[in-house]
Amino acid sequence: MSFKTAVLGLICMSSALALPVRREVPQEHSHEQFLTSVRQSLNLNNPDNIADPVFGLLGNAAAAQGAGKIADPTCLQQATADQAFTNAKVAGNVQGQVDALIYRALERNSGQVGLVTAKCTSITAVNTEIAAIEQHQDPASTNAAAVNKAITLELARQIKKVGGDPQDALKSGTFAPGDLNDATAKGNTCNTLDDPIGCIFTQNLLVPDATAAEIDAAVADVAGGNGNNAGGNAGNGGNDATCPAPVTVTVTVGAAPTGQAPSATAVPPAATVTATPAPAAGNLQKFTGALGGQAAPTVTAGGRGFNVEGSDSFLNVGAALGRSCDIQHNKCANVANSAAGRSSGLTVGQCDQQTNQCRSANA
């Protein structure tokens, strides 16, 4: 039996155990990109033998079937995120840490429209960043808008602490509220298994919990970039120690980043990217910046709609371009975390700025 078949069987079993009429439609694959990333991180070291991150998003009856050594299925999502975060931190993978945080904040399947899923109380997360996050609640549940907004704003703070883009916290959002009186219980969810990005994104079903300005305000007092120390203690990544100020870097495509660390009294401007070459013929990716010599992968028409070099194909061009920018960010961050990147003054923060420029260029 394939893993996909096994998971589908568990979903069916979970549905049979739930309330008969107003069962919430399953949605554990709605944010598929984060399942994929967390799976990769978890597989680096999985001492609790957790079967797969998807089980942490299922109801408890189904989650228990893939919980491994985790005795309380209510805490499986947190335990999965915690181990994945630890592994990503040891590997110096900032994006892996960010994705583990987002996964921890995703809504779990509940047995009924409007039902609140229980908090994890039996296990304390090793990583303070993971411990600070709870899962989104069904948008039709009591006070869900305020609850989910608070979760997203806290997630943004934790993402900034590890050196990620706080605006990515909005990707943890869920769907529009379902109708409590709808006998079909179809709601507004989706659950497409073969969409590598996640159907909530490709079908434009995500309802943001906050505005970009609210995210910026929530993280204004947070020092960023503490989570990319591969040799640090896994439980201390969320401290608020002041990080070095960013360095101004001007880069021409193909050239290594240059620049010297600023003096103690200098106030460095934001990193800038100088890029003049045009995209390759047929390449829909408009951004040509390349900090650390890492260009955004090409995006071309084909496959299921649009192909990203070295990645998968996507149904719409926006998702493909976004993935191209994200891949470039990961490569840039890897360079920044390397000895060569540190010696040149390249920082993950500058990679974050470049990603924003990449997205803006394709808006």
Protein backbone atom coordinates (compact mmCIF):
# COMPACT_ATOMS: atom_id res chain seq x y z
CA MET A 1 0.00 0.00 0.00
CA SER A 2 1.41 3.41 -0.97
CA PHE A 3 1.77 6.15 1.62
CA LYS A 4 -0.84 8.25 -0.22
CA THR A 5 -3.29 5.33 -0.09
CA ALA A 6 -2.57 4.83 3.60
CA VAL A 7 -3.19 8.48 4.37
CA LEU A 8 -6.44 8.45 2.39
CA GLY A 9 -7.51 5.40 4.35
CA LEU A 10 -6.79 7.19 7.61
CA ILE A 11 -8.75 10.21 6.46
CA CYS A 12 -11.72 7.97 5.67
CA MET A 13 -11.40 6.26 9.07
CA SER A 14 -11.29 9.66 10.75
CA SER A 15 -14.42 10.72 8.89
CA ALA A 16 -16.24 7.60 9.99
CA LEU A 17 -15.46 8.34 13.64
CA ALA A 18 -16.56 11.95 13.43
CA LEU A 19 -20.02 13.49 13.71
CA PRO A 20 -22.23 12.28 10.83
CA VAL A 21 -23.72 15.42 9.28
CA ARG A 22 -21.61 18.47 10.02
CA ARG A 23 -18.19 16.89 9.58
CA GLU A 24 -15.58 19.46 8.53
CA VAL A 25 -14.10 18.76 5.12
CA PRO A 26 -10.45 17.55 5.50
CA GLN A 27 -7.75 20.05 4.61
CA GLU A 28 -4.44 18.58 5.77
CA HIS A 29 -2.90 18.99 2.31
CA SER A 30 -4.04 22.58 1.78
CA HIS A 31 -0.58 24.01 2.66
CA GLU A 32 1.41 21.23 0.97
CA GLN A 33 4.66 23.18 0.57
CA PHE A 34 5.13 23.24 4.34
CA LEU A 35 4.43 19.52 4.70
CA THR A 36 7.13 18.90 2.10
CA SER A 37 9.70 21.14 3.80
CA VAL A 38 9.01 19.81 7.30
CA ARG A 39 9.20 16.24 5.99
CA GLN A 40 12.68 16.93 4.61
CA SER A 41 13.85 18.42 7.90
CA LEU A 42 12.24 15.72 10.03
CA ASN A 43 13.88 12.96 8.02
CA LEU A 44 17.33 14.25 8.98
CA ASN A 45 16.81 12.93 12.52
CA ASN A 46 13.55 11.37 13.67
CA PRO A 47 14.14 9.76 17.09
CA ASP A 48 10.40 9.51 17.84
CA ASN A 49 9.69 7.63 14.59
CA ILE A 50 6.96 10.05 13.52
CA ALA A 51 5.51 8.56 10.33
CA ASP A 52 4.99 11.82 8.43
CA PRO A 53 4.11 15.48 9.15
CA VAL A 54 0.65 15.00 7.63
CA PHE A 55 -0.45 12.99 10.67
CA GLY A 56 0.02 16.01 12.93
CA LEU A 57 -2.69 17.85 11.01
CA LEU A 58 -5.26 15.05 11.26
CA GLY A 59 -7.81 14.49 14.00
CA ASN A 60 -6.52 12.56 17.00
CA ALA A 61 -7.92 9.17 15.96
CA ALA A 62 -6.03 9.26 12.66
CA ALA A 63 -3.02 11.15 14.04
CA ALA A 64 -2.35 8.38 16.56
CA GLN A 65 -1.72 5.95 13.71
CA GLY A 66 1.40 7.89 12.65
CA ALA A 67 2.53 9.32 15.99
CA GLY A 68 5.43 6.93 16.59
CA LYS A 69 6.64 7.38 20.16
CA ILE A 70 4.51 10.50 20.77
CA ALA A 71 1.90 9.23 23.25
CA ASP A 72 -0.45 12.22 23.05
CA PRO A 73 -1.72 12.79 19.48
CA THR A 74 -2.92 16.24 20.54
CA CYS A 75 0.78 17.17 20.72
CA LEU A 76 1.90 15.44 17.53
CA GLN A 77 1.84 18.62 15.44
CA GLN A 78 3.98 20.45 18.00
CA ALA A 79 6.38 17.52 18.41
CA THR A 80 6.81 17.21 14.64
CA ALA A 81 7.47 20.93 14.26
CA ASP A 82 9.87 20.93 17.22
CA GLN A 83 12.05 18.13 15.84
CA ALA A 84 12.01 19.57 12.32
CA PHE A 85 13.00 22.98 13.69
CA THR A 86 15.87 21.46 15.68
CA ASN A 87 17.14 19.58 12.63
CA ALA A 88 16.91 22.66 10.41
CA LYS A 89 18.78 24.71 12.99
CA VAL A 90 21.58 22.16 13.26
CA ALA A 91 21.81 22.21 9.46
CA GLY A 92 21.93 26.03 9.39
CA ASN A 93 18.76 26.04 7.29
CA VAL A 94 16.85 29.23 8.09
CA GLN A 95 14.02 28.53 5.66
CA GLY A 96 13.59 25.09 7.19
CA GLN A 97 13.16 26.73 10.59
CA VAL A 98 10.63 29.19 9.16
CA ASP A 99 8.66 26.38 7.52
CA ALA A 100 8.60 24.38 10.77
CA LEU A 101 7.17 27.43 12.56
CA ILE A 102 4.50 27.90 9.89
CA TYR A 103 3.62 24.20 10.00
CA ARG A 104 3.13 24.46 13.77
CA ALA A 105 0.60 27.26 13.21
CA LEU A 106 -1.52 25.44 10.61
CA GLU A 107 -5.10 24.53 11.43
CA ARG A 108 -5.68 20.86 12.31
CA ASN A 109 -8.65 18.90 11.01
CA SER A 110 -11.51 19.08 13.50
CA GLY A 111 -14.48 16.78 13.75
CA GLN A 112 -17.06 19.47 13.13
CA VAL A 113 -17.46 22.87 11.50
CA GLY A 114 -16.78 25.48 14.16
CA LEU A 115 -15.08 23.04 16.54
CA VAL A 116 -11.97 24.20 18.42
CA THR A 117 -9.01 21.79 18.48
CA ALA A 118 -7.34 21.25 21.84
CA LYS A 119 -4.05 22.82 22.86
CA CYS A 120 -1.00 20.67 23.52
CA THR A 121 -0.43 20.58 27.30
CA SER A 122 1.34 17.27 27.94
CA ILE A 123 4.60 18.08 26.13
CA THR A 124 6.78 21.19 26.32
CA ALA A 125 8.60 22.07 23.12
CA VAL A 126 12.40 22.11 23.28
CA ASN A 127 12.60 25.19 21.08
CA THR A 128 11.13 28.33 22.60
CA GLU A 129 10.15 29.53 19.12
CA ILE A 130 7.93 26.48 18.61
CA ALA A 131 6.58 26.68 22.17
CA ALA A 132 5.36 30.21 21.45
CA ILE A 133 3.07 29.07 18.61
CA GLU A 134 -0.33 27.38 18.64
CA GLN A 135 -2.38 26.01 15.74
CA HIS A 136 -4.99 28.07 13.90
CA GLN A 137 -8.58 27.35 14.82
CA ASP A 138 -11.56 26.66 12.58
CA PRO A 139 -12.54 30.08 11.19
CA ALA A 140 -16.18 29.41 12.11
CA SER A 141 -15.33 28.81 15.78
CA THR A 142 -15.99 31.35 18.52
CA ASN A 143 -13.77 34.45 18.32
CA ALA A 144 -11.69 32.76 15.60
CA ALA A 145 -10.72 35.96 13.80
CA ALA A 146 -9.09 37.44 16.91
CA VAL A 147 -7.54 34.12 17.97
CA ASN A 148 -6.03 33.41 14.56
CA LYS A 149 -4.77 36.96 14.16
CA ALA A 150 -2.92 36.73 17.49
CA ILE A 151 -1.38 33.42 16.39
CA THR A 152 -0.22 34.93 13.09
CA LEU A 153 1.32 38.00 14.74
CA GLU A 154 3.21 35.84 17.24
CA LEU A 155 4.33 33.59 14.38
CA ALA A 156 5.68 36.66 12.57
CA ARG A 157 7.73 37.57 15.64
CA GLN A 158 9.25 34.11 15.86
CA ILE A 159 9.99 34.04 12.14
CA LYS A 160 11.86 37.32 12.39
CA LYS A 161 13.87 36.00 15.35
CA VAL A 162 15.30 33.19 13.23
CA GLY A 163 16.11 35.48 10.30
CA GLY A 164 13.09 34.84 8.07
CA ASP A 165 10.59 37.17 6.44
CA PRO A 166 7.85 37.99 9.01
CA GLN A 167 5.33 38.48 6.20
CA ASP A 168 5.51 34.73 5.57
CA ALA A 169 3.42 34.31 8.72
CA LEU A 170 0.39 35.21 6.61
CA LYS A 171 0.88 31.93 4.72
CA SER A 172 -0.29 30.03 7.80
CA GLY A 173 -3.79 31.46 7.40
CA THR A 174 -6.85 29.36 6.82
CA PHE A 175 -10.09 29.56 4.85
CA ALA A 176 -13.21 31.70 5.01
CA PRO A 177 -15.60 30.54 7.77
CA GLY A 178 -17.97 27.73 6.86
CA ASP A 179 -21.70 27.89 7.48
CA LEU A 180 -22.63 26.19 10.75
CA ASN A 181 -26.08 25.49 9.32
CA ASP A 182 -24.84 23.96 6.07
CA ALA A 183 -25.94 20.31 6.19
CA THR A 184 -23.40 19.39 3.48
CA ALA A 185 -20.50 20.71 5.60
CA LYS A 186 -18.59 21.50 2.40
CA GLY A 187 -17.30 24.73 3.87
CA ASN A 188 -14.61 26.61 1.98
CA THR A 189 -11.75 24.14 2.27
CA CYS A 190 -9.67 22.22 -0.28
CA ASN A 191 -7.45 19.17 0.01
CA THR A 192 -5.57 18.53 -3.25
CA LEU A 193 -2.83 15.93 -2.75
CA ASP A 194 -0.92 16.57 -6.01
CA ASP A 195 -0.55 20.35 -5.67
CA PRO A 196 3.05 20.92 -4.47
CA ILE A 197 2.36 24.49 -3.34
CA GLY A 198 -0.97 23.89 -1.66
CA CYS A 199 -4.47 24.38 -3.01
CA ILE A 200 -5.24 27.16 -0.53
CA PHE A 201 -2.66 29.23 -2.44
CA THR A 202 -3.18 28.10 -6.02
CA GLN A 203 -6.97 28.37 -5.69
CA ASN A 204 -6.72 31.73 -3.89
CA LEU A 205 -8.70 30.49 -0.89
CA LEU A 206 -6.49 31.82 1.91
CA VAL A 207 -7.99 34.61 4.03
CA PRO A 208 -5.18 36.75 5.57
CA ASP A 209 -5.42 37.08 9.35
CA ALA A 210 -3.69 40.47 9.40
CA THR A 211 -2.40 43.20 7.12
CA ALA A 212 1.22 43.65 6.10
CA ALA A 213 1.33 46.83 8.20
CA GLU A 214 0.09 44.94 11.26
CA ILE A 215 2.83 42.36 10.76
CA ASP A 216 5.45 45.11 10.53
CA ALA A 217 4.16 46.74 13.70
CA ALA A 218 4.13 43.44 15.59
CA VAL A 219 7.78 42.69 14.82
CA ALA A 220 9.14 46.23 15.15
CA ASP A 221 10.81 45.49 18.49
CA VAL A 222 12.17 42.05 17.53
CA ALA A 223 15.84 41.53 16.73
CA GLY A 224 16.18 39.16 13.78
CA GLY A 225 18.61 36.52 12.60
CA ASN A 226 19.26 34.49 15.76
CA GLY A 227 18.18 31.15 14.37
CA ASN A 228 20.94 30.49 11.82
CA ASN A 229 23.61 29.49 14.33
CA ALA A 230 24.04 25.81 13.56
CA GLY A 231 26.16 25.24 16.66
CA GLY A 232 23.75 26.89 19.09
CA ASN A 233 21.59 25.23 21.73
CA ALA A 234 18.31 24.11 20.15
CA GLY A 235 16.32 25.62 22.99
CA ASN A 236 17.96 29.05 22.94
CA GLY A 237 17.30 30.15 19.35
CA GLY A 238 14.61 32.62 20.42
CA ASN A 239 16.76 34.94 22.52
CA ASP A 240 16.69 38.63 21.72
CA ALA A 241 20.42 39.30 21.54
CA THR A 242 21.24 42.16 19.22
CA CYS A 243 22.54 41.01 15.84
CA PRO A 244 25.17 42.80 13.76
CA ALA A 245 23.81 45.61 11.64
CA PRO A 246 23.27 44.72 7.97
CA VAL A 247 25.98 45.58 5.50
CA THR A 248 25.40 47.57 2.32
CA VAL A 249 26.20 45.35 -0.65
CA THR A 250 26.12 46.31 -4.33
CA VAL A 251 26.24 43.26 -6.59
CA THR A 252 26.44 42.78 -10.33
CA VAL A 253 25.04 39.48 -11.56
CA GLY A 254 27.77 36.84 -11.61
CA ALA A 255 30.02 38.72 -9.19
CA ALA A 256 30.65 37.79 -5.57
CA PRO A 257 29.18 40.18 -2.96
CA THR A 258 31.56 42.80 -1.67
CA GLY A 259 31.56 45.27 1.18
CA GLN A 260 33.07 45.80 4.59
CA ALA A 261 31.39 45.69 7.97
CA PRO A 262 30.27 49.18 9.06
CA SER A 263 31.91 51.01 11.90
CA ALA A 264 30.23 51.03 15.33
CA THR A 265 28.79 54.50 14.68
CA ALA A 266 27.74 53.96 11.08
CA VAL A 267 24.07 53.61 10.16
CA PRO A 268 24.12 51.36 7.09
CA PRO A 269 21.40 51.72 4.45
CA ALA A 270 19.44 48.72 3.20
CA ALA A 271 21.19 46.32 0.87
CA THR A 272 20.91 47.19 -2.81
CA VAL A 273 21.16 44.98 -5.85
CA THR A 274 22.48 46.18 -9.20
CA ALA A 275 21.44 43.87 -12.01
CA THR A 276 21.47 44.80 -15.68
CA PRO A 277 21.30 41.60 -17.78
CA ALA A 278 17.85 40.76 -19.18
CA PRO A 279 16.23 37.40 -18.43
CA ALA A 280 17.00 34.53 -20.78
CA ALA A 281 14.70 34.08 -23.79
CA GLY A 282 11.42 32.48 -22.73
CA ASN A 283 12.15 33.08 -19.05
CA LEU A 284 9.13 34.62 -17.29
CA GLN A 285 11.18 35.42 -14.20
CA LYS A 286 11.80 39.17 -14.46
CA PHE A 287 14.14 39.57 -11.51
CA THR A 288 17.84 39.42 -12.36
CA GLY A 289 19.50 40.21 -9.02
CA ALA A 290 21.89 37.55 -7.75
CA LEU A 291 23.33 38.11 -4.27
CA GLY A 292 26.03 35.56 -3.56
CA GLY A 293 26.02 34.64 -7.26
CA GLN A 294 22.65 32.87 -6.86
CA ALA A 295 20.12 33.85 -9.54
CA ALA A 296 16.42 33.06 -9.36
CA PRO A 297 15.66 29.86 -11.33
CA THR A 298 14.08 30.30 -14.74
CA VAL A 299 10.29 30.04 -15.11
CA THR A 300 8.97 28.83 -18.46
CA ALA A 301 5.61 27.76 -19.86
CA GLY A 302 5.11 24.00 -19.91
CA GLY A 303 4.34 21.00 -17.73
CA ARG A 304 1.08 21.52 -15.84
CA GLY A 305 1.22 25.19 -16.77
CA PHE A 306 4.59 26.64 -15.79
CA ASN A 307 7.94 25.03 -14.99
CA VAL A 308 10.51 26.19 -12.46
CA GLU A 309 14.07 25.11 -13.24
CA GLY A 310 15.13 22.37 -10.85
CA SER A 311 11.71 22.26 -9.19
CA ASP A 312 8.19 21.19 -10.09
CA SER A 313 5.57 22.51 -12.50
CA PHE A 314 2.75 24.76 -11.33
CA LEU A 315 -0.78 25.52 -12.42
CA ASN A 316 -0.41 29.31 -12.44
CA VAL A 317 2.46 31.63 -13.18
CA GLY A 318 2.21 33.49 -9.86
CA ALA A 319 2.89 30.33 -7.88
CA ALA A 320 5.79 29.42 -10.17
CA LEU A 321 7.40 32.86 -9.89
CA GLY A 322 6.95 32.82 -6.13
CA ARG A 323 8.64 29.44 -5.92
CA SER A 324 11.51 30.72 -8.07
CA CYS A 325 12.03 33.63 -5.66
CA ASP A 326 11.88 31.28 -2.67
CA ILE A 327 14.47 28.92 -4.18
CA GLN A 328 16.77 31.87 -4.78
CA HIS A 329 16.28 32.94 -1.14
CA ASN A 330 17.26 29.48 0.11
CA LYS A 331 20.41 29.43 -2.04
CA CYS A 332 21.32 32.97 -0.99
CA ALA A 333 20.80 32.12 2.69
CA ASN A 334 23.01 29.03 2.33
CA VAL A 335 25.76 31.22 0.91
CA ALA A 336 25.28 33.78 3.70
CA ASN A 337 25.62 31.01 6.31
CA SER A 338 28.79 29.63 4.71
CA ALA A 339 32.32 30.70 5.58
CA ALA A 340 32.65 32.48 2.23
CA GLY A 341 29.42 34.36 2.77
CA ARG A 342 30.34 35.46 6.28
CA SER A 343 33.76 36.65 5.16
CA SER A 344 32.18 38.73 2.38
CA GLY A 345 29.64 40.33 4.71
CA LEU A 346 26.56 38.78 3.09
CA THR A 347 23.69 38.29 5.56
CA VAL A 348 20.40 36.42 5.53
CA GLY A 349 18.69 39.76 6.07
CA GLN A 350 20.01 40.94 2.73
CA CYS A 351 18.72 37.73 1.14
CA ASP A 352 15.31 38.55 2.64
CA GLN A 353 15.42 42.03 1.10
CA GLN A 354 16.35 40.55 -2.26
CA THR A 355 13.40 38.14 -2.07
CA ASN A 356 11.06 41.07 -1.52
CA GLN A 357 12.59 42.75 -4.57
CA CYS A 358 12.13 39.52 -6.56
CA ARG A 359 8.46 39.34 -5.64
CA SER A 360 7.94 42.99 -6.39
CA ALA A 361 9.55 42.64 -9.81
CA ASN A 362 7.00 39.95 -10.67
CA ALA A 363 3.95 41.57 -9.07
